[in-house]
Amino acid sequence: MLGLGKAYNETKECVMLAWIALFVLFGIYSWAVRSKLTSLTHQIAQEEVGILSVLKEQFSLVGDLPGFVTRASADLNEILSLRNSAGSGNMLQMLDKEKRIQTAMGNLNAQGLFKTKDPDYLALMDQLEQNRRNLKKAIESYNDLVKEYDGTITTFPASLLARGFTYKPLISSGESSKN
């Protein structure tokens, strides 16, 4: 009978050690997931700063357009109005203003109101196009990070650790470069 008690105590100790090991492993896993979420959150914030930087440069370049327009128009007035209000609003609102500026520029171009032979105009259009490509890349990178973050928070324990922080992808990359 004494042997049975000893075996019981050893089994009890093994079970206790197994539980302790399980909790330690869960703690390590939770720490790793938390680190990944923190890293992704930081990367997303960096991408947001990059997008805002490209947008500010784009709005600055758009300020040079009036010198290349042959006559005033409602589209030019809209471009200037959007550019002047570009500093206000969040990133989504700024992206919307950029899209509206691109539409108005397309209208001006379709009406033949730009001095398209001017070398400075061509240089400005090259800069604007390069910025659009940079914006498209930044949005794609942001969206990839958001998808990875969203995929991570659907798993346990990340769903508990995320504490309600969610991000939404921005406009599709195709929409960002419409002209």
Foldseek 3Di string as FASTA:
>chain_A
DVVVVVVVVVVVVVVVVVVVVVVVVVVVVVVVLLVVLVVLVVVLVVLQVQLLVLLLVLLVLLVPQVVFFQDDDPLNVLSVVLSVCLVDDGSQVNLVSLLSNLVSVVVSVVVVGGNVVDPVVVVSVVVNQVSLVSNLVSLVVSQVSLVVSVVSCVDPPNVVSVPPDHDDRHDHSVSSNHD
